[in-house]
Amino acid sequence: MLCVALMIRVVVGAVLPITDPTEGRYAQIASEMVASGDWVTPRVWFRGDQVPYLGKPPLFFWTAALSIMVFGSTEIAVRLPAIAAVLLLFILMFQVIKRSDGAGAAGAAVIIAATTGLVFFLSATAIVDLHLMLFVSGALFAHLACVQAGDRSRSRKLSVLTFALIAGGVLTKGPVAIVLVCLPVGVWTTLYGTWNTLRAHSWRTGLLVFTILVGPWFILAELRNPGFIEYFFVNENFLRFLSTSYGDRYGTGHVFPRGSSLLMFSIGALPWTPVAIWLAIRRRWRLLRWTLRDERASFLLIAFLTIVVFWGFARQLLPTYLLPAIPLFSAWLAVAMNRVEAPSRVFRSVAMGAAALWCLLAVAVAPIVVTKSTREILAETSSLLQRRIEPAKVVFAGRTPQSAAFYAPDLVTHHADEPVAHSLSRIAGRPNDTLLIISDRDWQGLTDGNVGMVRSLTRVPGWRILASATADRRASILGKASLDRRPLIRRRRPSTEPAPARYSGSHRESVRR
């Protein structure tokens, strides 16, 4: 059942278009990295200009860019690194829990993690937080295995793995990865006085590996982008945590009341949070008492609670920040259920019910997700341009979506954010040299006077294409609109002009003018 559910999720992720804003931003950064060959400074289209993207380190963009180079510029190529990160974490978690509690508990831990709502719905999306989940949760699992290894040789290998995973977290989202690993370890070590466990680590080798992996990129990034170190460490990592106005260059923060992380985690870990509460009450709190006495179970419990509480103090918060806590919670619940011999029918019923429900929801919301992307409207626009006599620029009303730079980098004219009324002035009363793409929501908000200045050429769910209502009819569309989806290409030049150079991509064949 789990394999079928995960297959359905991966297939849905491969079919659905890249959505805005997050996936679109990261996809076009990776695509631009491949096109430019600059692997040091990620770049993003922002408010009409292509600027360095210094809000996050580049590890996710590196993996996505490599995937694009191998598999082409497709949705599954962009999302494949995230899928791989989740699978690698499940393998690591299974191996650690299996060694201490047996294959049954290890398999249960993986099933619980995979069937939580937050992990299931995000496991095939192009976001950096799945990489952070791999490195933070993986480092905590590796640390637990290291201090319980017993064998010195195995302990040294696990120690180096721990430091390497922390380095991966820093290259994914910055120093917050160090905090999310060291804080749970510090709390657990202090409460239980297990300071001798820290001696199991090979500190010199581990710190050397960490420095070699992390140092070069930060140095190169500062040399090529003076001021990067100050902005990244102060604004993106310190002020973001403390202030609602921290000088974000790439958007606006998401402000929630302090303590919201507890509610977000409880919802994100469904349907297993009620199971944990029910199990604790049914066993008359003996489960929690056993957890506090057991070294391994207490570490897992303290680890995921510490991460949730840590984000509870943040002013800027997203539910995805809590992803590293999910595998630790799943491992604790699986170990606890194994310890108290919880009814297996309860586990099977909840796991199968969750997998079936999430699959149905994933299929049901797919049509809605399509409207959050520009793939279909840009395919229609390209087909429209091929049947025109005169050339035309393509402009989005209000703001250019991030996914447009991924699907049609040579088709769309980027511009600064502007009122929709100002975008209408680009086509109203002028020759038909511009096509305006507008969302249904913005279209419905137009006044009758604004609507009268334009004419709707065609539409797809969520979007429509507009042209000037007073445009010269000689530039009108030739023939009936075709329903097929053609590659995103420029219009054909007259035969008297020299043949243009072409380059191919998975979603387009662009003609350089």
Protein backbone atom coordinates (compact mmCIF):
# COMPACT_ATOMS: atom_id res chain seq x y z
CA MET A 1 0.00 0.00 0.00
CA LEU A 2 2.82 2.37 0.85
CA CYS A 3 4.66 1.65 -2.41
CA VAL A 4 1.49 2.22 -4.43
CA ALA A 5 0.80 5.48 -2.60
CA LEU A 6 4.33 6.78 -3.14
CA MET A 7 4.20 5.79 -6.82
CA ILE A 8 0.98 7.72 -7.27
CA ARG A 9 2.53 10.73 -5.56
CA VAL A 10 5.61 10.63 -7.79
CA VAL A 11 3.49 10.25 -10.95
CA VAL A 12 1.30 13.19 -9.95
CA GLY A 13 4.44 15.20 -9.26
CA ALA A 14 5.83 14.33 -12.69
CA VAL A 15 2.64 15.37 -14.50
CA LEU A 16 1.76 18.57 -12.64
CA PRO A 17 3.36 21.80 -13.88
CA ILE A 18 5.81 23.87 -11.88
CA THR A 19 3.74 26.12 -9.63
CA ASP A 20 4.28 29.66 -8.43
CA PRO A 21 5.86 31.22 -6.57
CA THR A 22 8.31 28.90 -4.79
CA GLU A 23 8.70 26.09 -7.31
CA GLY A 24 8.79 28.55 -10.19
CA ARG A 25 11.55 30.58 -8.54
CA TYR A 26 13.76 27.59 -7.74
CA ALA A 27 13.16 25.93 -11.12
CA GLN A 28 14.16 29.00 -13.10
CA ILE A 29 17.23 29.57 -10.88
CA ALA A 30 18.41 26.02 -11.64
CA SER A 31 17.60 26.41 -15.33
CA GLU A 32 19.50 29.70 -15.51
CA MET A 33 22.45 28.10 -13.73
CA VAL A 34 22.66 25.52 -16.52
CA ALA A 35 22.28 28.15 -19.25
CA SER A 36 24.84 30.62 -17.83
CA GLY A 37 27.38 28.11 -16.50
CA ASP A 38 27.73 30.19 -13.31
CA TRP A 39 27.61 27.68 -10.45
CA VAL A 40 28.69 30.14 -7.76
CA THR A 41 26.02 32.86 -7.92
CA PRO A 42 22.41 31.71 -8.37
CA ARG A 43 20.36 34.26 -10.31
CA VAL A 44 16.65 35.00 -10.37
CA TRP A 45 14.30 37.26 -12.32
CA PHE A 46 12.94 39.70 -9.75
CA ARG A 47 10.86 42.82 -10.47
CA GLY A 48 11.99 43.03 -14.05
CA ASP A 49 15.72 42.44 -13.52
CA GLN A 50 17.88 39.37 -13.27
CA VAL A 51 19.68 39.66 -9.93
CA PRO A 52 21.89 37.39 -7.78
CA TYR A 53 19.79 35.23 -5.47
CA LEU A 54 21.64 35.44 -2.17
CA GLY A 55 18.85 34.34 0.14
CA LYS A 56 19.92 30.69 0.24
CA PRO A 57 23.08 28.65 -0.46
CA PRO A 58 23.14 26.77 -3.75
CA LEU A 59 23.14 23.05 -2.88
CA PHE A 60 19.52 22.52 -3.93
CA PHE A 61 20.10 24.53 -7.12
CA TRP A 62 23.21 22.47 -7.89
CA THR A 63 21.28 19.20 -7.63
CA ALA A 64 18.36 20.55 -9.67
CA ALA A 65 20.72 21.95 -12.32
CA LEU A 66 22.54 18.62 -12.60
CA SER A 67 19.20 16.86 -12.95
CA ILE A 68 18.19 19.28 -15.73
CA MET A 69 21.47 18.61 -17.53
CA VAL A 70 20.82 14.86 -17.44
CA PHE A 71 17.03 14.67 -17.94
CA GLY A 72 16.25 17.95 -19.67
CA SER A 73 14.25 20.96 -18.53
CA THR A 74 11.19 19.06 -17.31
CA GLU A 75 9.06 19.09 -14.19
CA ILE A 76 10.27 15.70 -13.00
CA ALA A 77 13.91 16.74 -13.50
CA VAL A 78 13.45 19.74 -11.22
CA ARG A 79 11.62 17.69 -8.59
CA LEU A 80 13.82 14.59 -8.76
CA PRO A 81 16.43 15.88 -6.24
CA ALA A 82 13.70 16.42 -3.64
CA ILE A 83 12.32 12.92 -4.21
CA ALA A 84 15.84 11.50 -3.89
CA ALA A 85 16.41 13.44 -0.65
CA VAL A 86 13.29 11.92 0.92
CA LEU A 87 14.21 8.39 -0.15
CA LEU A 88 17.78 8.75 1.16
CA LEU A 89 16.47 9.91 4.52
CA PHE A 90 14.07 6.95 4.70
CA ILE A 91 16.96 4.56 4.00
CA LEU A 92 19.14 6.14 6.70
CA MET A 93 16.29 6.17 9.21
CA PHE A 94 15.46 2.53 8.49
CA GLN A 95 19.07 1.43 9.00
CA VAL A 96 19.48 3.31 12.30
CA ILE A 97 16.18 2.11 13.83
CA LYS A 98 16.65 -1.43 12.52
CA ARG A 99 19.99 -1.77 14.29
CA SER A 100 18.54 -0.78 17.65
CA ASP A 101 14.88 -1.87 17.55
CA GLY A 102 14.55 -4.36 14.70
CA ALA A 103 13.20 -4.26 11.17
CA GLY A 104 9.57 -4.10 12.33
CA ALA A 105 10.01 -0.82 14.19
CA ALA A 106 12.21 0.55 11.41
CA GLY A 107 9.62 -0.22 8.76
CA ALA A 108 6.89 1.32 10.92
CA ALA A 109 8.96 4.50 11.32
CA VAL A 110 9.33 4.88 7.55
CA ILE A 111 5.62 4.22 6.95
CA ILE A 112 4.59 6.77 9.59
CA ALA A 113 6.90 9.42 8.14
CA ALA A 114 5.79 8.75 4.56
CA THR A 115 2.08 8.92 5.40
CA THR A 116 2.13 12.18 7.36
CA GLY A 117 0.31 14.85 5.39
CA LEU A 118 3.22 17.31 5.30
CA VAL A 119 5.77 14.82 3.95
CA PHE A 120 3.36 13.13 1.53
CA PHE A 121 2.22 16.33 -0.19
CA LEU A 122 5.63 17.98 -0.27
CA SER A 123 7.75 14.93 -1.12
CA ALA A 124 7.63 15.60 -4.88
CA THR A 125 7.92 19.39 -4.90
CA ALA A 126 10.90 21.54 -5.79
CA ILE A 127 11.59 23.13 -2.40
CA VAL A 128 14.81 23.37 -0.41
CA ASP A 129 13.19 22.26 2.86
CA LEU A 130 13.18 18.59 1.82
CA HIS A 131 16.95 18.77 1.46
CA LEU A 132 17.13 20.42 4.88
CA MET A 133 14.98 17.61 6.30
CA LEU A 134 17.45 15.07 4.93
CA PHE A 135 20.49 16.80 6.40
CA VAL A 136 19.08 17.86 9.79
CA SER A 137 17.10 14.71 10.59
CA GLY A 138 19.81 12.56 9.04
CA ALA A 139 22.51 14.22 11.18
CA LEU A 140 20.48 13.61 14.34
CA PHE A 141 19.93 9.95 13.41
CA ALA A 142 23.64 9.62 12.61
CA HIS A 143 24.56 11.18 15.97
CA LEU A 144 22.29 8.76 17.82
CA ALA A 145 23.82 5.83 15.96
CA CYS A 146 27.31 7.19 16.65
CA VAL A 147 26.91 7.42 20.42
CA GLN A 148 25.34 3.93 20.54
CA ALA A 149 27.72 2.25 18.09
CA GLY A 150 30.02 0.64 20.64
CA ASP A 151 32.58 -0.21 17.98
CA ARG A 152 35.19 2.56 17.62
CA SER A 153 35.63 2.16 13.86
CA ARG A 154 31.88 2.34 13.21
CA SER A 155 31.59 5.28 15.58
CA ARG A 156 34.23 7.25 13.64
CA LYS A 157 32.43 6.66 10.32
CA LEU A 158 29.11 7.74 11.76
CA SER A 159 30.75 10.81 13.28
CA VAL A 160 32.16 11.90 9.92
CA LEU A 161 28.73 11.26 8.37
CA THR A 162 27.15 13.49 11.01
CA PHE A 163 29.47 16.40 10.24
CA ALA A 164 29.04 15.90 6.48
CA LEU A 165 25.25 16.00 6.84
CA ILE A 166 25.47 19.20 8.90
CA ALA A 167 27.63 20.69 6.15
CA GLY A 168 24.98 19.73 3.61
CA GLY A 169 22.38 21.49 5.72
CA VAL A 170 24.48 24.66 5.85
CA LEU A 171 24.93 24.57 2.07
CA THR A 172 21.16 24.16 1.75
CA LYS A 173 19.80 26.81 4.11
CA GLY A 174 22.63 28.27 6.11
CA PRO A 175 23.64 28.16 9.78
CA VAL A 176 20.10 27.32 10.92
CA ALA A 177 21.05 23.71 10.12
CA ILE A 178 23.75 23.84 12.83
CA VAL A 179 21.22 25.18 15.33
CA LEU A 180 18.60 22.54 14.49
CA VAL A 181 21.15 19.76 15.07
CA CYS A 182 23.16 21.11 18.00
CA LEU A 183 20.20 22.42 20.00
CA PRO A 184 18.45 19.01 20.42
CA VAL A 185 21.80 17.32 21.10
CA GLY A 186 22.66 19.98 23.68
CA VAL A 187 19.28 19.78 25.44
CA TRP A 188 19.36 15.98 25.61
CA THR A 189 22.98 15.89 26.77
CA THR A 190 22.32 18.49 29.47
CA LEU A 191 19.13 16.89 30.80
CA TYR A 192 20.63 13.40 31.00
CA GLY A 193 24.21 14.40 31.80
CA THR A 194 25.53 12.19 29.00
CA TRP A 195 28.54 14.38 28.25
CA ASN A 196 30.68 11.30 27.68
CA THR A 197 28.67 10.53 24.54
CA LEU A 198 30.21 13.57 22.85
CA ARG A 199 33.60 11.86 23.06
CA ALA A 200 32.35 9.31 20.54
CA HIS A 201 32.74 11.92 17.79
CA SER A 202 35.94 12.41 15.80
CA TRP A 203 35.94 16.17 16.25
CA ARG A 204 39.10 17.02 14.33
CA THR A 205 38.25 14.94 11.30
CA GLY A 206 34.62 16.00 11.41
CA LEU A 207 35.37 19.72 11.61
CA LEU A 208 37.92 19.37 8.81
CA VAL A 209 35.32 17.68 6.59
CA PHE A 210 32.77 20.37 7.48
CA THR A 211 35.18 23.19 6.62
CA ILE A 212 36.26 21.64 3.32
CA LEU A 213 32.65 21.18 2.24
CA VAL A 214 31.28 24.55 3.36
CA GLY A 215 34.14 27.04 3.17
CA PRO A 216 34.94 27.33 -0.57
CA TRP A 217 31.50 28.41 -1.74
CA PHE A 218 31.03 31.08 0.94
CA ILE A 219 34.43 32.56 0.11
CA LEU A 220 33.77 32.58 -3.65
CA ALA A 221 30.27 34.01 -3.14
CA GLU A 222 31.63 36.92 -1.09
CA LEU A 223 34.40 37.62 -3.60
CA ARG A 224 31.93 37.75 -6.50
CA ASN A 225 29.15 39.49 -4.55
CA PRO A 226 30.67 41.89 -1.98
CA GLY A 227 28.36 42.24 1.01
CA PHE A 228 26.90 38.75 0.62
CA ILE A 229 28.22 37.47 3.96
CA GLU A 230 26.68 40.38 5.89
CA TYR A 231 23.30 40.14 4.17
CA PHE A 232 23.08 36.37 4.37
CA PHE A 233 24.08 35.88 8.01
CA VAL A 234 22.54 39.05 9.47
CA ASN A 235 19.34 39.57 7.47
CA GLU A 236 18.44 36.09 6.29
CA ASN A 237 19.37 34.17 9.44
CA PHE A 238 19.41 36.54 12.42
CA LEU A 239 16.91 39.33 11.73
CA ARG A 240 14.50 36.95 9.99
CA PHE A 241 14.16 35.12 13.28
CA LEU A 242 13.67 38.23 15.43
CA SER A 243 12.05 40.88 13.25
CA THR A 244 9.00 41.17 10.99
CA SER A 245 10.87 43.70 8.82
CA TYR A 246 14.35 42.40 8.12
CA GLY A 247 15.16 43.74 4.65
CA ASP A 248 14.24 40.72 2.55
CA ARG A 249 15.34 41.37 -1.03
CA TYR A 250 13.25 38.69 -2.69
CA GLY A 251 9.77 38.97 -1.24
CA THR A 252 7.85 39.35 1.98
CA GLY A 253 8.05 37.24 5.10
CA HIS A 254 5.22 35.10 6.44
CA VAL A 255 4.31 36.38 9.90
CA PHE A 256 2.50 34.14 12.38
CA PRO A 257 1.88 34.49 16.13
CA ARG A 258 4.61 33.01 18.28
CA GLY A 259 3.85 29.41 19.12
CA SER A 260 2.15 28.70 15.79
CA SER A 261 4.69 25.99 15.09
CA LEU A 262 2.95 23.62 17.53
CA LEU A 263 -0.33 23.86 15.63
CA MET A 264 1.43 23.59 12.27
CA PHE A 265 3.28 20.47 13.38
CA SER A 266 0.14 18.85 14.80
CA ILE A 267 -1.67 19.37 11.50
CA GLY A 268 1.33 18.47 9.34
CA ALA A 269 1.87 15.17 11.19
CA LEU A 270 -1.73 14.03 10.72
CA PRO A 271 -3.05 11.37 11.06
CA TRP A 272 -0.37 10.27 13.52
CA THR A 273 -0.57 13.05 16.14
CA PRO A 274 -3.97 11.80 17.39
CA VAL A 275 -2.55 8.26 17.44
CA ALA A 276 0.35 9.39 19.66
CA ILE A 277 -2.03 11.19 22.05
CA TRP A 278 -4.44 8.25 22.13
CA LEU A 279 -1.62 5.80 22.79
CA ALA A 280 -0.22 7.89 25.64
CA ILE A 281 -3.63 8.21 27.32
CA ARG A 282 -4.57 4.56 26.73
CA ARG A 283 -1.39 3.40 28.41
CA ARG A 284 -2.07 5.78 31.30
CA TRP A 285 1.03 7.82 30.55
CA ARG A 286 3.30 4.82 31.08
CA LEU A 287 4.50 5.41 27.54
CA LEU A 288 5.88 8.84 28.36
CA ARG A 289 7.45 7.61 31.57
CA TRP A 290 9.20 4.82 29.67
CA THR A 291 10.32 7.30 27.03
CA LEU A 292 11.95 9.54 29.59
CA ARG A 293 13.83 6.58 31.09
CA ASP A 294 15.01 5.14 27.76
CA GLU A 295 18.09 6.83 26.29
CA ARG A 296 17.19 6.28 22.63
CA ALA A 297 13.48 7.09 22.88
CA SER A 298 14.13 10.19 24.99
CA PHE A 299 16.59 11.51 22.40
CA LEU A 300 14.03 11.14 19.60
CA LEU A 301 11.28 12.77 21.69
CA ILE A 302 13.48 15.70 22.77
CA ALA A 303 14.83 16.15 19.24
CA PHE A 304 11.49 16.71 17.52
CA LEU A 305 10.03 18.73 20.42
CA THR A 306 13.09 20.99 20.49
CA ILE A 307 12.76 21.74 16.76
CA VAL A 308 9.06 22.54 17.12
CA VAL A 309 9.64 24.80 20.13
CA PHE A 310 12.58 26.52 18.41
CA TRP A 311 10.39 27.56 15.47
CA GLY A 312 7.70 28.59 17.91
CA PHE A 313 9.81 31.64 18.82
CA ALA A 314 10.30 32.70 15.18
CA ARG A 315 8.42 35.68 13.75
CA GLN A 316 8.86 34.46 10.18
CA LEU A 317 7.52 30.95 9.74
CA LEU A 318 6.27 28.48 7.14
CA PRO A 319 4.91 24.96 7.75
CA THR A 320 7.76 23.58 5.63
CA TYR A 321 10.26 24.70 8.30
CA LEU A 322 8.90 21.91 10.51
CA LEU A 323 9.75 19.12 8.09
CA PRO A 324 12.94 18.07 9.97
CA ALA A 325 10.82 17.27 13.04
CA ILE A 326 8.55 14.80 11.20
CA PRO A 327 11.03 11.87 10.78
CA LEU A 328 12.16 12.19 14.41
CA PHE A 329 8.54 12.13 15.61
CA SER A 330 7.85 9.13 13.36
CA ALA A 331 10.85 7.23 14.72
CA TRP A 332 9.84 7.96 18.33
CA LEU A 333 6.25 6.86 17.74
CA ALA A 334 7.34 3.65 15.99
CA VAL A 335 9.79 2.77 18.78
CA ALA A 336 7.17 3.58 21.43
CA MET A 337 4.47 1.49 19.73
CA ASN A 338 6.93 -1.38 19.50
CA ARG A 339 7.82 -1.01 23.18
CA VAL A 340 4.23 -0.99 24.52
CA GLU A 341 3.07 -3.55 21.93
CA ALA A 342 0.35 -1.33 20.50
CA PRO A 343 -2.40 -3.14 18.54
CA SER A 344 -1.10 -3.78 15.03
CA ARG A 345 -4.59 -3.41 13.55
CA VAL A 346 -4.60 0.23 14.64
CA PHE A 347 -1.30 0.87 12.90
CA ARG A 348 -2.39 -0.89 9.71
CA SER A 349 -5.76 0.87 9.58
CA VAL A 350 -4.32 4.34 10.10
CA ALA A 351 -1.44 3.82 7.64
CA MET A 352 -3.62 2.42 4.84
CA GLY A 353 -6.38 4.93 5.44
CA ALA A 354 -3.94 7.85 5.35
CA ALA A 355 -2.23 6.60 2.17
CA ALA A 356 -5.57 6.17 0.40
CA LEU A 357 -6.91 9.54 1.56
CA TRP A 358 -3.78 11.48 0.60
CA CYS A 359 -3.72 9.87 -2.85
CA LEU A 360 -7.35 10.82 -3.47
CA LEU A 361 -6.69 14.39 -2.34
CA ALA A 362 -3.58 14.65 -4.50
CA VAL A 363 -5.56 13.63 -7.59
CA ALA A 364 -8.53 15.83 -6.64
CA VAL A 365 -6.49 19.04 -6.25
CA ALA A 366 -4.46 18.49 -9.43
CA PRO A 367 -6.80 20.65 -11.59
CA ILE A 368 -6.50 23.48 -9.07
CA VAL A 369 -2.71 23.21 -9.02
CA VAL A 370 -2.60 23.57 -12.82
CA THR A 371 -4.10 27.06 -12.54
CA LYS A 372 -1.19 28.10 -10.30
CA SER A 373 1.28 27.61 -13.14
CA THR A 374 1.97 29.35 -16.45
CA ARG A 375 2.70 26.21 -18.47
CA GLU A 376 -0.67 25.95 -20.22
CA ILE A 377 -1.15 29.65 -20.92
CA LEU A 378 2.37 29.99 -22.34
CA ALA A 379 1.80 26.98 -24.60
CA GLU A 380 -1.40 28.63 -25.87
CA THR A 381 0.40 31.94 -26.31
CA SER A 382 3.15 30.32 -28.34
CA SER A 383 0.60 28.64 -30.58
CA LEU A 384 -1.15 31.98 -30.99
CA LEU A 385 2.04 33.81 -31.98
CA GLN A 386 2.85 31.29 -34.69
CA ARG A 387 -0.39 32.20 -36.51
CA ARG A 388 0.11 35.97 -36.46
CA ILE A 389 1.28 38.12 -39.34
CA GLU A 390 2.89 40.75 -37.11
CA PRO A 391 5.23 40.07 -34.17
CA ALA A 392 4.12 40.81 -30.64
CA LYS A 393 5.62 41.08 -27.19
CA VAL A 394 4.18 38.93 -24.40
CA VAL A 395 3.65 40.64 -21.05
CA PHE A 396 2.02 39.46 -17.82
CA ALA A 397 -0.36 41.84 -16.10
CA GLY A 398 0.80 43.15 -12.73
CA ARG A 399 3.68 40.79 -12.03
CA THR A 400 5.62 38.28 -14.10
CA PRO A 401 5.22 34.82 -12.49
CA GLN A 402 8.43 33.01 -11.62
CA SER A 403 7.51 29.89 -13.59
CA ALA A 404 7.30 31.95 -16.81
CA ALA A 405 11.10 32.33 -16.80
CA PHE A 406 11.40 28.54 -16.61
CA TYR A 407 8.88 27.62 -19.29
CA ALA A 408 9.53 30.46 -21.76
CA PRO A 409 12.67 32.47 -20.99
CA ASP A 410 12.82 33.95 -24.52
CA LEU A 411 9.09 34.52 -24.96
CA VAL A 412 8.07 36.69 -22.01
CA THR A 413 9.07 40.34 -21.52
CA HIS A 414 9.95 40.89 -17.86
CA HIS A 415 8.96 44.11 -16.13
CA ALA A 416 8.82 45.56 -12.64
CA ASP A 417 5.74 44.90 -10.51
CA GLU A 418 2.97 47.33 -11.48
CA PRO A 419 -0.77 47.86 -11.04
CA VAL A 420 -2.91 45.83 -13.42
CA ALA A 421 -4.40 49.05 -14.80
CA HIS A 422 -0.92 50.17 -15.82
CA SER A 423 -0.38 46.84 -17.58
CA LEU A 424 -3.58 47.41 -19.58
CA SER A 425 -2.17 50.69 -20.85
CA ARG A 426 0.51 48.68 -22.64
CA ILE A 427 -2.08 47.38 -25.12
CA ALA A 428 -5.10 49.72 -24.93
CA GLY A 429 -5.43 52.04 -27.93
CA ARG A 430 -2.10 50.99 -29.42
CA PRO A 431 -1.13 48.87 -32.43
CA ASN A 432 -1.44 45.18 -31.81
CA ASP A 433 2.24 44.68 -30.95
CA THR A 434 1.69 43.38 -27.42
CA LEU A 435 -0.24 40.46 -25.95
CA LEU A 436 -1.19 40.71 -22.29
CA ILE A 437 -1.63 37.60 -20.13
CA ILE A 438 -3.89 38.20 -17.15
CA SER A 439 -5.09 35.90 -14.38
CA ASP A 440 -8.81 35.24 -14.02
CA ARG A 441 -8.75 36.87 -10.59
CA ASP A 442 -7.31 40.12 -11.98
CA TRP A 443 -9.67 39.95 -14.97
CA GLN A 444 -12.70 39.72 -12.70
CA GLY A 445 -11.47 42.74 -10.76
CA LEU A 446 -11.36 45.02 -13.83
CA THR A 447 -13.88 47.81 -14.26
CA ASP A 448 -16.24 47.94 -17.24
CA GLY A 449 -14.22 50.79 -18.70
CA ASN A 450 -10.99 48.80 -18.60
CA VAL A 451 -12.65 45.71 -20.06
CA GLY A 452 -13.95 47.78 -22.97
CA MET A 453 -10.41 48.75 -24.01
CA VAL A 454 -9.27 45.17 -24.60
CA ARG A 455 -10.49 42.00 -26.25
CA SER A 456 -10.01 38.46 -24.99
CA LEU A 457 -8.34 36.24 -27.55
CA THR A 458 -8.41 32.91 -25.74
CA ARG A 459 -8.19 31.46 -22.26
CA VAL A 460 -7.13 28.40 -20.30
CA PRO A 461 -8.14 27.58 -16.71
CA GLY A 462 -6.89 30.41 -14.52
CA TRP A 463 -5.61 32.67 -17.34
CA ARG A 464 -6.61 34.54 -20.49
CA ILE A 465 -4.80 36.39 -23.29
CA LEU A 466 -5.79 39.98 -24.12
CA ALA A 467 -5.10 42.31 -27.04
CA SER A 468 -6.11 45.88 -27.86
CA ALA A 469 -9.77 46.29 -28.78
CA THR A 470 -8.86 49.00 -31.33
CA ALA A 471 -5.92 47.18 -32.88
CA ASP A 472 -5.37 46.95 -36.60
CA ARG A 473 -7.28 43.92 -37.88
CA ARG A 474 -4.43 43.08 -40.24
CA ALA A 475 -2.59 41.80 -37.15
CA SER A 476 -5.49 39.58 -36.09
CA ILE A 477 -5.20 35.87 -35.61
CA LEU A 478 -5.05 33.78 -38.80
CA GLY A 479 -7.45 30.89 -38.94
CA LYS A 480 -9.25 29.17 -36.16
CA ALA A 481 -7.55 28.66 -32.84
CA SER A 482 -5.91 25.26 -32.58
CA LEU A 483 -6.38 23.19 -29.46
CA ASP A 484 -3.03 21.46 -29.65
CA ARG A 485 -0.08 22.48 -27.49
CA ARG A 486 2.94 23.38 -29.61
CA PRO A 487 6.49 23.97 -28.36
CA LEU A 488 7.09 27.47 -27.01
CA ILE A 489 8.89 29.16 -29.90
CA ARG A 490 9.19 32.58 -31.46
CA ARG A 491 7.13 33.41 -34.56
CA ARG A 492 8.58 32.34 -37.89
CA ARG A 493 10.60 35.03 -39.64
CA PRO A 494 9.84 35.96 -43.28
CA SER A 495 11.70 33.74 -45.72
CA THR A 496 13.80 36.72 -46.92
CA GLU A 497 15.60 36.86 -43.59
CA PRO A 498 18.51 34.55 -42.77
CA ALA A 499 17.62 31.43 -40.82
CA PRO A 500 17.91 32.09 -37.07
CA ALA A 501 20.02 30.05 -34.70
CA ARG A 502 18.03 27.57 -32.65
CA TYR A 503 18.55 25.81 -29.40
CA SER A 504 16.36 23.11 -28.01
CA GLY A 505 14.87 22.52 -24.60
CA SER A 506 12.42 20.08 -23.15
CA HIS A 507 9.51 22.54 -23.17
CA ARG A 508 10.51 24.79 -26.02
CA GLU A 509 12.55 25.42 -29.14
CA SER A 510 13.47 29.08 -28.83
CA VAL A 511 14.41 31.19 -31.84
CA ARG A 512 16.90 33.93 -31.04
CA ARG A 513 15.92 37.16 -32.79
